[in-house]
C-alpha cells in the first residue's frame, strides 16, 4: 500500500498565503515596488546579455579562427576555404533544432511587440529561451543578423514571467514587458537612452509619465550590470570632426530619402527570398543550410557581410574606402541580411541597419565629392546620419535610433543632421510603405498590427462576455394572438424567432405584434409575418469591433448572439447602447492606466 502523503495543516499555510497576497497587493498598489522589482530584474537581464555576448565572441573565435579581441565582421578575408562552410553547417544545425523544437512545442513564439499589443504583456519564458538559442545559433553561423532580437526577447519574457504570478494590472504587465526589452537593448549597446526609447517607441507603443521610473530603473540597472562585467566606453571611436554648418542640412535630407528607399528595399527583399525558398520545395529545416551555403560563397568577396557588422562599422569610420568598394559592399550586405532572414536564420535587422546606413552615408559622400570637393570632410557625419536613418526606416523608431547613434559614438555635435535624416526616413517609409520590419512581418502572417498599442482588449471583449441571457425564443409558426398572450405589451421590446430545429430566423418587434391595426388578423398571422433582420446577428466569439460594425450595417438597436455558424442557436442578445457604453468604459480604463489615474 503506497504511503499516504500528509497535508500541511491549514494554520501553517495561512501565513504564507497572507504574505503572497500582501506582496501582490503592494505590487499592484505601490509604484515604488514595481520600480524596485524592475531594478533587480534589469540587472539580471544585463548580466544575461553580457554572458551571451561573451559566449558568442568566444564561439565565433573558435569557428572562424578570429584573432584575439577580433570580431567576424572585422575580417579582411576568411582564413581558409573550409570556414566558408560554417554558415551552411550552422544553418543545418539550426534547421534540425528548430524542427525538433517545433514538434515538441508547435506554438508560435510571441515577441514583445505582439505580446503587448494582443496579450497584455504575457509571454512564455520557455518559448523565448528557444528563440534566444536559435538567434545565438544563427549568429554563431555567421548569418547577417544581430543578437538584439534574442536579447530583447529574453529580457521581456523574464520580466513577463515574474509579473504574471502577481496578477498585476494589464498595463503594469505591459510596462514590465517593455522594461525587460529596454534593459536588454540598453545593456547590449551601453546606451540607456536608446534602450529606454526602444521600450517606449517599439515595445510599449506610447510614452506615459507613469512608466518612466519603471523602464528607467530597468535600463539603468541593466547598463550598470553589463558595465560591471565588460567595462567599456562608447561602442565606436570617432576622429575629431568640426561642427557642421547649417547650410549642409540639405545633405541630410537626401540621406533620409535614400535611407527610406534602402530600408524599404531590405524589408521587401526578405519576403522575396522567403518566396524563392518556398518555390524550391526544400523542406523548411533545410532552407537555412542552403541559405548559409550561398552566404558563405558571398563572403568570398568580403567577410564583412557576415555577422552584425559592428567591427566593420569601426573600420569604415577609421578608414575611407573607394566608391566601387563601398557600393559593392552595401549591395552585398543588403542581400546578405535579406537572404539570412529569408532562409530561416533567426535574428533581427537592428544591427544590420546600422552597417547599411554607415555604408549608405559613405557612398553618398563618395558620389558628391567629385562635384563638391569639400564633401570629404563630412564623411563621418554622413555615415552617422545614415546609420540612424536606415535604422529608423527599418525599425520605425526614429528617436531610438537617433539616441543610439549618438550614444554609441559619444558625439552629440551632429545631432541636428542625425535627427533630420532619421525623421525624414521614418516618415517617408510610414507614408509610402506603411510598415516597420516588425509590423511588416505581422502583416505577412495575417495579423493586423501597426504597432505595440494595446488592442488585445478589443479581441477579448467579445459578444459572449457582454450579452444578456434573458431572451425569449418564439417559433415561426406561432400565431400573433398566442404570442400576445405569452408576451404582454410592455413586458419586453423584442423576441427572437426560431425555426423547427431551433435555428435563428429573425427578430420580432413586440410593438408590431401588439399593433391594434392587425388585431382582426391576429388568429391568422404568425410570427414569421413579423420577422425583421434574418441576417442580423453576431456570434459569441465576435469582438466588440465586429459587433459595432454589425450594428452600423443593420441599423438595428438590438442583435441576437448566436453560439456558432453551425447550430445558429440564439443564446443571448446585445443592444447598441450597451455596447457603446462598454466600449467607452474600456477606453477610459486604458487611458486611466496609462496616466496612472486611480
Protein backbone atom coordinates (compact mmCIF):
# COMPACT_ATOMS: atom_id res chain seq x y z
CA UNK A 1 0.00 0.00 0.00
CA UNK A 2 1.54 3.35 -1.02
CA UNK A 3 2.30 5.76 1.80
CA UNK A 4 -0.25 8.47 2.37
CA UNK A 5 1.21 11.96 1.98
CA UNK A 6 0.30 14.14 4.90
CA UNK A 7 -1.14 17.51 4.06
CA UNK A 8 0.22 20.51 5.89
CA UNK A 9 -2.18 21.83 8.49
CA UNK A 10 -4.15 24.82 7.35
CA UNK A 11 -2.70 27.06 10.05
CA UNK A 12 0.79 26.50 8.61
CA UNK A 13 -0.23 27.52 5.09
CA UNK A 14 -2.21 30.61 6.05
CA UNK A 15 0.80 32.80 6.93
CA UNK A 16 2.44 32.02 3.58
CA UNK A 17 -0.77 32.75 1.70
CA UNK A 18 -1.12 36.05 3.56
CA UNK A 19 2.44 37.02 2.64
CA UNK A 20 1.87 36.18 -1.01
CA UNK A 21 -1.35 38.18 -1.10
CA UNK A 22 0.35 41.10 0.66
CA UNK A 23 3.18 41.05 -1.90
CA UNK A 24 0.63 41.05 -4.69
CA UNK A 25 -1.25 43.93 -3.11
CA UNK A 26 1.89 46.03 -2.69
CA UNK A 27 2.99 45.44 -6.28
CA UNK A 28 -0.46 46.38 -7.55
CA UNK A 29 -0.92 49.43 -5.36
CA UNK A 30 2.58 50.86 -4.97
CA UNK A 31 4.51 52.03 -7.99
CA UNK A 32 7.69 52.09 -5.92
CA UNK A 33 7.54 48.31 -5.54
CA UNK A 34 7.37 47.93 -9.31
CA UNK A 35 10.42 50.18 -9.64
CA UNK A 36 12.36 48.03 -7.16
CA UNK A 37 11.32 44.86 -8.98
CA UNK A 38 12.31 46.41 -12.31
CA UNK A 39 15.71 47.41 -10.94
CA UNK A 40 16.56 43.91 -9.80
CA UNK A 41 15.33 42.21 -12.95
CA UNK A 42 17.12 44.77 -15.13
CA UNK A 43 20.43 43.79 -13.55
CA UNK A 44 19.70 40.12 -14.26
CA UNK A 45 18.96 40.96 -17.89
CA UNK A 46 22.20 42.96 -18.16
CA UNK A 47 24.21 40.02 -16.85
CA UNK A 48 22.43 37.64 -19.24
CA UNK A 49 23.18 39.91 -22.21
CA UNK A 50 26.82 40.12 -21.17
CA UNK A 51 27.07 36.36 -20.81
CA UNK A 52 25.52 35.71 -24.21
CA UNK A 53 27.78 38.29 -25.84
CA UNK A 54 30.94 36.76 -24.40
CA UNK A 55 29.76 33.27 -25.38
CA UNK A 56 29.10 34.46 -28.93
CA UNK A 57 32.55 36.07 -29.29
CA UNK A 58 34.32 33.01 -27.90
CA UNK A 59 32.42 30.57 -30.12
CA UNK A 60 32.87 32.67 -33.25
CA UNK A 61 36.56 32.96 -32.47
CA UNK A 62 36.88 29.17 -32.44
CA UNK A 63 34.73 28.57 -35.51
CA UNK A 64 36.29 31.25 -37.72
CA UNK A 65 39.78 31.41 -36.14
CA UNK A 66 39.38 35.06 -35.26
CA UNK A 67 42.32 36.97 -33.80
CA UNK A 68 42.23 37.78 -30.10
CA UNK A 69 39.73 40.58 -29.50
CA UNK A 70 38.54 40.45 -33.12
CA UNK A 71 35.03 40.04 -34.48
CA UNK A 72 33.62 38.30 -37.52
CA UNK A 73 32.63 41.40 -39.47
CA UNK A 74 36.08 42.90 -38.94
CA UNK A 75 37.85 40.24 -41.04
CA UNK A 76 39.53 41.23 -44.28
CA UNK A 77 39.43 37.65 -45.58
CA UNK A 78 38.19 34.21 -44.48
CA UNK A 79 41.19 32.26 -43.06
CA UNK A 80 40.71 29.20 -45.34
CA UNK A 81 38.03 27.77 -47.59
CA UNK A 82 36.58 25.17 -45.17
CA UNK A 83 35.39 28.03 -42.99
CA UNK A 84 33.13 29.16 -45.80
CA UNK A 85 31.02 26.11 -44.94
CA UNK A 86 30.42 27.25 -41.37
CA UNK A 87 27.22 29.18 -42.30
CA UNK A 88 25.87 26.12 -44.14
CA UNK A 89 26.67 23.67 -41.34
CA UNK A 90 25.33 26.11 -38.78
CA UNK A 91 22.18 26.54 -40.86
CA UNK A 92 21.70 22.77 -40.95
CA UNK A 93 22.04 22.52 -37.16
CA UNK A 94 19.65 25.43 -36.77
CA UNK A 95 17.08 23.91 -39.11
CA UNK A 96 17.11 20.48 -37.46
CA UNK A 97 16.96 22.01 -33.99
CA UNK A 98 14.05 24.25 -34.96
CA UNK A 99 12.22 21.26 -36.48
CA UNK A 100 12.57 19.19 -33.31
CA UNK A 101 11.53 22.14 -31.12
CA UNK A 102 8.52 22.78 -33.33
CA UNK A 103 7.35 19.17 -32.98
CA UNK A 104 7.74 19.25 -29.21
CA UNK A 105 6.10 22.66 -28.82
CA UNK A 106 4.31 23.74 -32.02
CA UNK A 107 3.01 27.06 -30.71
CA UNK A 108 4.15 30.27 -32.40
CA UNK A 109 6.69 32.28 -30.42
CA UNK A 110 5.17 35.60 -29.33
CA UNK A 111 7.58 38.53 -29.45
CA UNK A 112 7.39 41.54 -27.06
CA UNK A 113 5.53 43.79 -29.53
CA UNK A 114 2.87 41.17 -30.22
CA UNK A 115 2.61 40.34 -26.53
CA UNK A 116 1.96 43.94 -25.57
CA UNK A 117 -0.43 44.58 -28.44
CA UNK A 118 -2.58 41.47 -28.14
CA UNK A 119 -1.92 39.60 -24.90
CA UNK A 120 -1.47 42.25 -22.24
CA UNK A 121 2.28 41.65 -21.94
CA UNK A 122 2.04 37.87 -21.41
CA UNK A 123 4.98 35.91 -22.83
CA UNK A 124 6.29 32.38 -22.49
CA UNK A 125 9.75 32.22 -20.92
CA UNK A 126 10.44 28.78 -22.39
CA UNK A 127 9.49 29.84 -25.90
CA UNK A 128 11.66 32.92 -25.52
CA UNK A 129 14.63 30.85 -24.38
CA UNK A 130 14.15 28.76 -27.50
CA UNK A 131 14.17 31.88 -29.69
CA UNK A 132 17.24 33.26 -27.93
CA UNK A 133 19.05 29.96 -28.54
CA UNK A 134 18.08 29.95 -32.23
CA UNK A 135 19.26 33.56 -32.54
CA UNK A 136 22.57 32.59 -30.91
CA UNK A 137 22.95 29.67 -33.33
CA UNK A 138 22.26 31.98 -36.26
CA UNK A 139 24.92 34.44 -35.11
CA UNK A 140 27.41 31.64 -34.43
CA UNK A 141 26.88 30.51 -38.02
CA UNK A 142 27.84 33.93 -39.34
CA UNK A 143 24.36 34.87 -40.58
CA UNK A 144 23.99 38.55 -41.38
CA UNK A 145 21.73 39.27 -38.42
CA UNK A 146 22.17 40.65 -34.92
CA UNK A 147 21.60 39.28 -31.43
CA UNK A 148 19.31 42.14 -30.43
CA UNK A 149 16.13 40.18 -31.19
CA UNK A 150 17.27 37.41 -28.86
CA UNK A 151 18.36 39.85 -26.17
CA UNK A 152 15.07 41.77 -26.15
CA UNK A 153 13.01 38.56 -26.30
CA UNK A 154 14.86 37.14 -23.33
CA UNK A 155 14.65 40.33 -21.28
CA UNK A 156 10.96 40.93 -21.97
CA UNK A 157 9.97 37.33 -21.24
CA UNK A 158 11.88 37.31 -17.94
CA UNK A 159 10.03 40.42 -16.74
CA UNK A 160 6.73 38.98 -18.00
CA UNK A 161 7.28 35.63 -16.30
CA UNK A 162 7.93 37.32 -12.95
CA UNK A 163 4.94 39.65 -13.34
CA UNK A 164 2.33 37.03 -14.19
CA UNK A 165 2.08 35.23 -10.81
CA UNK A 166 1.42 38.55 -9.08
CA UNK A 167 -1.73 39.14 -11.16
CA UNK A 168 -0.80 42.71 -11.91
CA UNK A 169 -2.97 45.09 -13.88
CA UNK A 170 -2.81 44.69 -17.64
CA UNK A 171 -0.97 47.99 -18.11
CA UNK A 172 1.57 47.12 -15.41
CA UNK A 173 2.37 43.82 -17.14
CA UNK A 174 2.76 45.62 -20.46
CA UNK A 175 5.07 48.16 -18.84
CA UNK A 176 7.25 45.47 -17.27
CA UNK A 177 7.50 43.61 -20.57
CA UNK A 178 8.64 46.86 -22.20
CA UNK A 179 11.13 47.42 -19.40
CA UNK A 180 12.68 43.99 -19.95
CA UNK A 181 13.21 44.61 -23.67
CA UNK A 182 14.53 48.11 -22.94
CA UNK A 183 17.04 46.81 -20.38
CA UNK A 184 18.32 44.26 -22.89
CA UNK A 185 18.92 46.85 -25.64
CA UNK A 186 20.48 49.30 -23.19
CA UNK A 187 22.88 46.63 -21.95
CA UNK A 188 23.67 45.37 -25.46
CA UNK A 189 24.78 48.80 -26.73
CA UNK A 190 25.76 50.51 -23.47
CA UNK A 191 23.08 53.05 -24.43
CA UNK A 192 20.50 53.67 -21.69
CA UNK A 193 18.68 56.45 -23.53
CA UNK A 194 18.29 54.35 -26.65
CA UNK A 195 17.16 51.40 -24.54
CA UNK A 196 14.52 53.47 -22.77
CA UNK A 197 13.09 54.83 -26.01
CA UNK A 198 13.22 51.36 -27.55
CA UNK A 199 10.85 50.35 -24.76
CA UNK A 200 8.60 53.37 -25.25
CA UNK A 201 8.51 53.56 -29.06
CA UNK A 202 8.72 49.96 -30.18
CA UNK A 203 7.57 47.65 -27.39
CA UNK A 204 5.08 49.72 -25.42
CA UNK A 205 3.78 51.85 -28.27
CA UNK A 206 3.37 55.00 -26.19
CA UNK A 207 5.12 57.29 -23.76
CA UNK A 208 3.44 57.69 -20.39
CA UNK A 209 4.84 59.53 -17.34
CA UNK A 210 3.85 56.63 -15.09
CA UNK A 211 6.16 54.26 -16.97
CA UNK A 212 9.28 56.44 -16.83
CA UNK A 213 10.53 55.21 -13.48
CA UNK A 214 9.85 51.54 -14.19
CA UNK A 215 11.53 51.46 -17.60
CA UNK A 216 14.23 53.89 -16.47
CA UNK A 217 15.17 51.73 -13.49
CA UNK A 218 15.47 48.69 -15.75
CA UNK A 219 17.73 50.33 -18.33
CA UNK A 220 19.97 51.89 -15.67
CA UNK A 221 20.49 48.66 -13.74
CA UNK A 222 20.86 46.66 -16.96
CA UNK A 223 23.53 49.02 -18.27
CA UNK A 224 25.41 49.07 -14.98
CA UNK A 225 25.36 45.27 -14.77
CA UNK A 226 26.82 44.98 -18.28
CA UNK A 227 29.50 47.57 -17.46
CA UNK A 228 30.43 45.69 -14.29
CA UNK A 229 31.20 42.57 -16.33
CA UNK A 230 32.53 44.17 -19.53
CA UNK A 231 33.80 47.70 -18.84
CA UNK A 232 33.85 49.77 -21.99
CA UNK A 233 33.03 53.25 -23.19
CA UNK A 234 31.39 54.17 -26.48
CA UNK A 235 30.93 51.35 -28.94
CA UNK A 236 32.66 53.31 -31.72
CA UNK A 237 35.53 55.77 -31.59
CA UNK A 238 35.31 58.83 -33.83
CA UNK A 239 38.14 61.03 -35.08
CA UNK A 240 37.99 64.73 -34.30
CA UNK A 241 35.46 66.36 -36.65
CA UNK A 242 34.44 70.01 -36.81
CA UNK A 243 30.85 71.05 -36.09
CA UNK A 244 28.75 71.07 -39.23
CA UNK A 245 27.46 74.35 -40.68
CA UNK A 246 23.70 74.67 -41.08
CA UNK A 247 23.84 75.08 -44.86
CA UNK A 248 24.70 71.37 -45.17
CA UNK A 249 21.21 70.41 -43.93
CA UNK A 250 20.02 69.50 -47.49
CA UNK A 251 22.66 66.76 -47.50
CA UNK A 252 20.94 65.09 -44.53
CA UNK A 253 17.55 65.42 -46.23
CA UNK A 254 18.96 63.48 -49.19
CA UNK A 255 20.40 60.87 -46.82
CA UNK A 256 16.99 60.48 -45.18
CA UNK A 257 15.23 59.99 -48.52
CA UNK A 258 17.75 57.41 -49.76
CA UNK A 259 17.71 55.68 -46.38
CA UNK A 260 13.93 55.26 -46.69
CA UNK A 261 14.45 53.60 -50.07
CA UNK A 262 17.19 51.35 -48.67
CA UNK A 263 15.11 50.31 -45.66
CA UNK A 264 12.04 49.53 -47.74
CA UNK A 265 14.10 47.53 -50.24
CA UNK A 266 15.66 45.49 -47.42
CA UNK A 267 12.30 44.63 -45.88
CA UNK A 268 10.77 43.67 -49.21
CA UNK A 269 13.79 41.58 -50.16
CA UNK A 270 13.32 39.43 -47.07
CA UNK A 271 9.88 38.44 -48.38
CA UNK A 272 11.28 37.91 -51.89
CA UNK A 273 13.88 35.46 -50.59
CA UNK A 274 11.26 33.67 -48.49
CA UNK A 275 9.08 33.12 -51.56
CA UNK A 276 12.10 31.96 -53.57
CA UNK A 277 12.95 29.33 -50.96
CA UNK A 278 9.33 28.21 -50.85
CA UNK A 279 9.33 27.69 -54.61
CA UNK A 280 12.42 25.48 -54.37
CA UNK A 281 10.29 22.97 -52.39
CA UNK A 282 13.15 22.46 -49.98
CA UNK A 283 11.92 21.32 -46.56
CA UNK A 284 11.81 24.15 -44.06
CA UNK A 285 14.59 22.64 -41.95
CA UNK A 286 16.97 22.56 -44.96
CA UNK A 287 16.48 26.17 -46.05
CA UNK A 288 18.90 27.72 -43.52
CA UNK A 289 21.63 25.34 -44.74
CA UNK A 290 21.00 26.33 -48.37
CA UNK A 291 20.99 30.00 -47.41
CA UNK A 292 24.19 29.50 -45.41
CA UNK A 293 25.90 27.92 -48.40
CA UNK A 294 25.04 30.94 -50.55
CA UNK A 295 26.12 33.25 -47.75
CA UNK A 296 29.50 31.52 -47.50
CA UNK A 297 30.03 32.00 -51.22
CA UNK A 298 29.18 35.69 -50.93
CA UNK A 299 31.71 36.02 -48.10
CA UNK A 300 34.49 35.25 -50.61
CA UNK A 301 34.14 38.81 -51.87
CA UNK A 302 34.09 40.34 -48.39
CA UNK A 303 33.65 38.66 -44.97
CA UNK A 304 32.20 41.95 -43.73
CA UNK A 305 28.78 40.84 -44.92
CA UNK A 306 28.81 38.20 -42.17
CA UNK A 307 27.66 38.89 -38.63
CA UNK A 308 26.12 42.01 -37.19
CA UNK A 309 28.65 44.43 -38.66
CA UNK A 310 29.79 46.30 -35.54
CA UNK A 311 33.52 45.89 -36.14
CA UNK A 312 33.08 46.65 -39.83
CA UNK A 313 31.48 49.99 -38.91
CA UNK A 314 34.51 50.92 -36.83
CA UNK A 315 36.76 50.01 -39.75
CA UNK A 316 34.88 52.26 -42.15
CA UNK A 317 34.88 55.11 -39.64
CA UNK A 318 38.64 54.85 -39.29
CA UNK A 319 39.45 54.37 -42.97
CA UNK A 320 37.80 55.63 -46.17
CA UNK A 321 37.10 53.07 -48.91
CA UNK A 322 36.78 53.70 -52.64
CA UNK A 323 33.47 54.33 -54.37
CA UNK A 324 33.13 50.94 -56.08
CA UNK A 325 34.17 49.02 -52.95
CA UNK A 326 31.60 50.80 -50.78
CA UNK A 327 28.85 50.34 -53.38
CA UNK A 328 29.53 46.60 -53.76
CA UNK A 329 29.71 46.08 -50.01
CA UNK A 330 26.44 47.97 -49.49
CA UNK A 331 24.68 45.79 -52.07
CA UNK A 332 26.29 42.65 -50.61
CA UNK A 333 25.31 43.45 -47.02
CA UNK A 334 21.75 44.28 -48.04
CA UNK A 335 21.41 40.99 -49.95
CA UNK A 336 23.10 39.01 -47.17
CA UNK A 337 20.79 40.39 -44.47
CA UNK A 338 17.66 39.71 -46.51
CA UNK A 339 18.95 36.26 -47.54
CA UNK A 340 19.72 35.28 -43.95
CA UNK A 341 16.24 36.08 -42.71
CA UNK A 342 14.53 34.77 -45.82
CA UNK A 343 16.33 31.44 -45.47
CA UNK A 344 15.14 30.99 -41.90
CA UNK A 345 18.00 32.24 -39.72
CA UNK A 346 16.71 33.93 -36.59
CA UNK A 347 17.65 37.43 -35.59
CA UNK A 348 16.82 40.99 -36.49
CA UNK A 349 17.82 43.84 -38.76
CA UNK A 350 18.64 46.19 -35.88
CA UNK A 351 22.44 45.86 -36.12
CA UNK A 352 22.46 45.26 -39.86
CA UNK A 353 20.57 48.51 -40.39
CA UNK A 354 23.40 50.39 -38.67
CA UNK A 355 26.01 48.95 -41.02
CA UNK A 356 23.80 49.53 -44.07
CA UNK A 357 23.32 53.15 -43.03
CA UNK A 358 27.03 53.62 -42.44
CA UNK A 359 27.79 52.38 -45.96
CA UNK A 360 24.97 54.45 -47.45
CA UNK A 361 26.30 57.66 -45.88
CA UNK A 362 29.81 56.90 -47.08
CA UNK A 363 28.54 56.15 -50.60
CA UNK A 364 26.59 59.41 -50.85
CA UNK A 365 29.67 61.41 -49.84
CA UNK A 366 31.80 59.49 -52.35
CA UNK A 367 29.33 60.33 -55.11
CA UNK A 368 29.19 64.02 -54.23
CA UNK A 369 32.91 64.59 -53.64
CA UNK A 370 33.83 64.98 -57.37
CA UNK A 371 31.16 67.68 -57.67
CA UNK A 372 31.75 69.27 -54.26
CA UNK A 373 35.34 68.61 -53.13
CA UNK A 374 34.65 69.82 -49.60
CA UNK A 375 32.23 66.93 -49.05
CA UNK A 376 35.03 64.62 -47.99
CA UNK A 377 35.13 66.44 -44.65
CA UNK A 378 31.54 65.46 -43.80
CA UNK A 379 32.04 61.73 -44.36
CA UNK A 380 31.77 60.86 -40.65
CA UNK A 381 28.59 62.91 -40.00
CA UNK A 382 27.01 61.48 -43.15
CA UNK A 383 27.76 57.94 -42.02
CA UNK A 384 26.23 58.59 -38.59
CA UNK A 385 23.14 60.14 -40.17
CA UNK A 386 22.85 57.16 -42.48
CA UNK A 387 23.05 54.75 -39.54
CA UNK A 388 20.21 56.49 -37.72
CA UNK A 389 18.13 56.97 -40.88
CA UNK A 390 18.26 53.38 -42.18
CA UNK A 391 17.68 52.13 -38.64
CA UNK A 392 14.65 54.40 -38.27
CA UNK A 393 13.32 53.30 -41.66
CA UNK A 394 13.51 49.62 -40.72
CA UNK A 395 12.52 49.76 -37.05
CA UNK A 396 10.02 52.61 -37.27
CA UNK A 397 11.55 54.15 -34.12
CA UNK A 398 13.40 57.36 -35.08
CA UNK A 399 14.11 58.63 -31.57
CA UNK A 400 15.50 55.26 -30.53
CA UNK A 401 17.90 55.21 -33.47
CA UNK A 402 18.95 58.84 -33.00
CA UNK A 403 19.80 58.30 -29.34
CA UNK A 404 21.50 55.00 -30.18
CA UNK A 405 23.82 56.54 -32.78
CA UNK A 406 24.67 59.48 -30.56
CA UNK A 407 25.35 57.28 -27.52
CA UNK A 408 27.39 54.56 -29.23
CA UNK A 409 29.64 57.21 -30.78
CA UNK A 410 29.75 59.52 -27.76
CA UNK A 411 29.35 62.53 -30.05
CA UNK A 412 26.38 64.90 -29.92
CA UNK A 413 27.85 67.52 -32.26
CA UNK A 414 25.89 66.18 -35.24
CA UNK A 415 22.53 65.89 -33.51
CA UNK A 416 20.66 68.18 -35.92
CA UNK A 417 21.77 66.30 -39.03
CA UNK A 418 21.15 62.88 -37.49
CA UNK A 419 17.67 63.95 -36.34
CA UNK A 420 16.80 65.32 -39.77
CA UNK A 421 17.79 62.17 -41.63
CA UNK A 422 16.11 59.81 -39.15
CA UNK A 423 12.82 61.70 -39.04
CA UNK A 424 12.62 62.02 -42.82
CA UNK A 425 13.42 58.33 -43.37
CA UNK A 426 10.85 57.13 -40.80
CA UNK A 427 8.15 59.46 -42.15
CA UNK A 428 8.70 58.56 -45.80
CA UNK A 429 8.57 54.83 -45.04
CA UNK A 430 5.42 55.24 -42.96
CA UNK A 431 3.66 57.24 -45.70
CA UNK A 432 4.78 55.11 -48.66
CA UNK A 433 5.32 51.59 -47.34
CA UNK A 434 3.23 51.79 -44.17
CA UNK A 435 5.14 49.25 -42.05
CA UNK A 436 8.22 48.81 -39.94
CA UNK A 437 10.02 45.49 -40.21
CA UNK A 438 8.18 44.01 -37.22
CA UNK A 439 4.72 45.14 -38.38
CA UNK A 440 5.54 44.02 -41.93
CA UNK A 441 6.18 40.52 -40.57
CA UNK A 442 2.85 40.66 -38.71
CA UNK A 443 1.14 41.71 -41.95
CA UNK A 444 2.59 38.73 -43.82
CA UNK A 445 1.30 36.43 -41.06
CA UNK A 446 -2.19 37.93 -41.36
CA UNK A 447 -2.06 39.79 -38.03
CA UNK A 448 -3.39 43.36 -38.49
CA UNK A 449 -0.98 45.16 -36.17
CA UNK A 450 0.66 48.52 -36.83
CA UNK A 451 2.49 48.76 -33.53
CA UNK A 452 2.52 47.73 -29.89
CA UNK A 453 -0.53 49.78 -28.91
CA UNK A 454 -2.81 47.72 -26.72
CA UNK A 455 -5.57 46.36 -28.94
CA UNK A 456 -5.79 42.97 -27.29
CA UNK A 457 -8.63 44.11 -25.06
CA UNK A 458 -10.73 44.62 -28.19
CA UNK A 459 -10.28 40.95 -29.07
CA UNK A 460 -11.01 39.86 -25.51
CA UNK A 461 -14.21 41.92 -25.18
CA UNK A 462 -16.47 39.53 -27.08
CA UNK A 463 -20.21 39.31 -27.60
CA UNK A 464 -20.29 36.28 -25.32
CA UNK A 465 -18.88 38.35 -22.45
CA UNK A 466 -21.25 41.30 -22.97
CA UNK A 467 -24.55 39.61 -23.85
CA UNK A 468 -27.69 39.30 -21.76
CA UNK A 469 -29.05 35.80 -21.44
CA UNK A 470 -32.69 36.61 -20.57
CA UNK A 471 -34.12 36.30 -24.08
CA UNK A 472 -37.38 34.93 -25.47
CA UNK A 473 -37.41 32.50 -28.39
CA UNK A 474 -40.57 32.27 -30.49
CA UNK A 475 -41.40 29.55 -33.07
CA UNK A 476 -42.04 30.87 -36.56
CA UNK A 477 -45.44 29.15 -36.79
CA UNK A 478 -46.82 30.62 -33.54
CA UNK A 479 -49.88 32.83 -34.10
CA UNK A 480 -49.88 36.50 -33.23
CA UNK A 481 -52.83 36.01 -30.85
CA UNK A 482 -50.97 33.35 -28.88
CA UNK A 483 -47.82 35.49 -28.91
CA UNK A 484 -49.74 38.45 -27.48
CA UNK A 485 -50.90 36.31 -24.59
CA UNK A 486 -47.43 34.92 -23.82
CA UNK A 487 -45.64 38.28 -24.08
CA UNK A 488 -47.91 41.11 -22.89
CA UNK A 489 -47.36 44.63 -24.15
CA UNK A 490 -44.58 46.34 -22.17
CA UNK A 491 -43.00 43.15 -20.79
CA UNK A 492 -40.19 43.14 -23.39
CA UNK A 493 -39.39 45.03 -26.60
CA UNK A 494 -38.03 42.20 -28.72
CA UNK A 495 -38.16 38.44 -29.14
CA UNK A 496 -36.22 36.15 -31.47
CA UNK A 497 -37.81 33.84 -33.99
CA UNK A 498 -36.50 30.29 -34.42
CA UNK A 499 -37.41 27.55 -36.85
CA UNK A 500 -38.43 24.00 -36.05
CA UNK A 501 -34.79 22.96 -35.48
CA UNK A 502 -34.09 25.88 -33.14
CA UNK A 503 -32.03 27.85 -35.64
CA UNK A 504 -32.25 31.64 -35.59
CA UNK A 505 -34.75 33.06 -38.11
CA UNK A 506 -35.03 36.78 -37.29
CA UNK A 507 -36.01 39.48 -34.81
CA UNK A 508 -39.59 40.17 -33.74
CA UNK A 509 -40.51 43.73 -32.67
CA UNK A 510 -43.17 43.31 -29.98
CA UNK A 511 -44.59 46.75 -30.78
CA UNK A 512 -45.52 45.39 -34.21
CA UNK A 513 -47.07 42.27 -32.65
CA UNK A 514 -49.33 44.42 -30.43
CA UNK A 515 -50.24 46.87 -33.20
CA UNK A 516 -54.05 47.46 -32.96
CA UNK A 517 -54.30 47.62 -36.75
CA UNK A 518 -53.60 43.87 -37.07
CA UNK A 519 -55.92 42.76 -34.24
CA UNK A 520 -58.52 41.44 -36.69
CA UNK A 521 -55.87 39.18 -38.26
CA UNK A 522 -54.25 38.06 -35.00
CA UNK A 523 -55.57 34.49 -35.34
CA UNK A 524 -54.39 34.24 -38.93
CA UNK A 525 -50.95 35.92 -38.86
CA UNK A 526 -47.98 34.04 -37.42
CA UNK A 527 -44.65 35.13 -36.01
CA UNK A 528 -42.95 34.63 -39.39
CA UNK A 529 -45.04 37.52 -40.74
CA UNK A 530 -43.45 39.95 -38.25
CA UNK A 531 -39.82 38.90 -38.61
CA UNK A 532 -37.18 41.51 -39.48
CA UNK A 533 -33.42 41.21 -39.99
CA UNK A 534 -32.97 37.46 -40.58
CA UNK A 535 -29.33 38.17 -41.46
CA UNK A 536 -28.79 40.48 -38.49
CA UNK A 537 -26.83 38.54 -35.87
CA UNK A 538 -23.44 38.23 -34.17
CA UNK A 539 -21.64 35.18 -32.87
CA UNK A 540 -20.41 34.51 -29.36
CA UNK A 541 -16.71 34.90 -30.34
CA UNK A 542 -17.12 38.21 -32.26
CA UNK A 543 -15.22 41.06 -30.63
CA UNK A 544 -16.72 44.43 -29.85
CA UNK A 545 -15.40 46.00 -33.02
CA UNK A 546 -17.15 43.38 -35.17
CA UNK A 547 -20.33 43.82 -33.11
CA UNK A 548 -20.37 47.60 -33.57
CA UNK A 549 -19.70 47.17 -37.29
CA UNK A 550 -22.74 44.90 -37.49
CA UNK A 551 -24.91 47.45 -35.70
CA UNK A 552 -23.74 50.07 -38.19
CA UNK A 553 -24.60 47.86 -41.17
CA UNK A 554 -28.04 46.69 -39.95
CA UNK A 555 -29.19 49.96 -38.35
CA UNK A 556 -30.89 47.97 -35.60
CA UNK A 557 -30.80 48.68 -31.89
CA UNK A 558 -30.61 45.02 -30.81
CA UNK A 559 -28.87 41.93 -32.19
CA UNK A 560 -29.09 38.27 -31.20
CA UNK A 561 -25.94 36.45 -30.09
CA UNK A 562 -25.60 33.00 -31.65
CA UNK A 563 -23.46 30.15 -30.39
CA UNK A 564 -21.86 29.49 -33.78
CA UNK A 565 -22.45 29.27 -37.54
CA UNK A 566 -23.08 25.54 -37.32
CA UNK A 567 -26.06 25.38 -34.97
CA UNK A 568 -27.19 29.07 -35.21
CA UNK A 569 -28.81 28.77 -31.77
CA UNK A 570 -29.73 32.04 -30.02
CA UNK A 571 -28.02 32.25 -26.63
CA UNK A 572 -28.34 35.96 -25.79
CA UNK A 573 -28.80 39.50 -27.03
CA UNK A 574 -26.90 42.79 -27.23
CA UNK A 575 -28.11 46.35 -27.57
CA UNK A 576 -26.13 49.01 -29.39
CA UNK A 577 -26.40 51.42 -26.46
CA UNK A 578 -24.83 48.92 -24.05
CA UNK A 579 -22.01 48.06 -26.47
CA UNK A 580 -21.13 51.72 -26.93
CA UNK A 581 -21.18 52.20 -23.16
CA UNK A 582 -18.85 49.24 -22.57
CA UNK A 583 -16.52 50.42 -25.34
CA UNK A 584 -16.31 53.89 -23.79
CA UNK A 585 -15.70 52.40 -20.34
CA UNK A 586 -12.85 50.24 -21.64
CA UNK A 587 -11.24 53.17 -23.44
CA UNK A 588 -11.47 55.27 -20.29
CA UNK A 589 -9.96 52.44 -18.24
CA UNK A 590 -6.99 52.06 -20.64
CA UNK A 591 -6.39 55.79 -20.61
CA UNK A 592 -6.50 55.87 -16.81
CA UNK A 593 -3.96 53.05 -16.64
CA UNK A 594 -1.61 54.93 -18.98
CA UNK A 595 -1.64 58.15 -16.99
CA UNK A 596 -1.69 56.38 -13.63
CA UNK A 597 -5.09 57.67 -12.56
CA UNK A 598 -6.94 55.67 -9.87
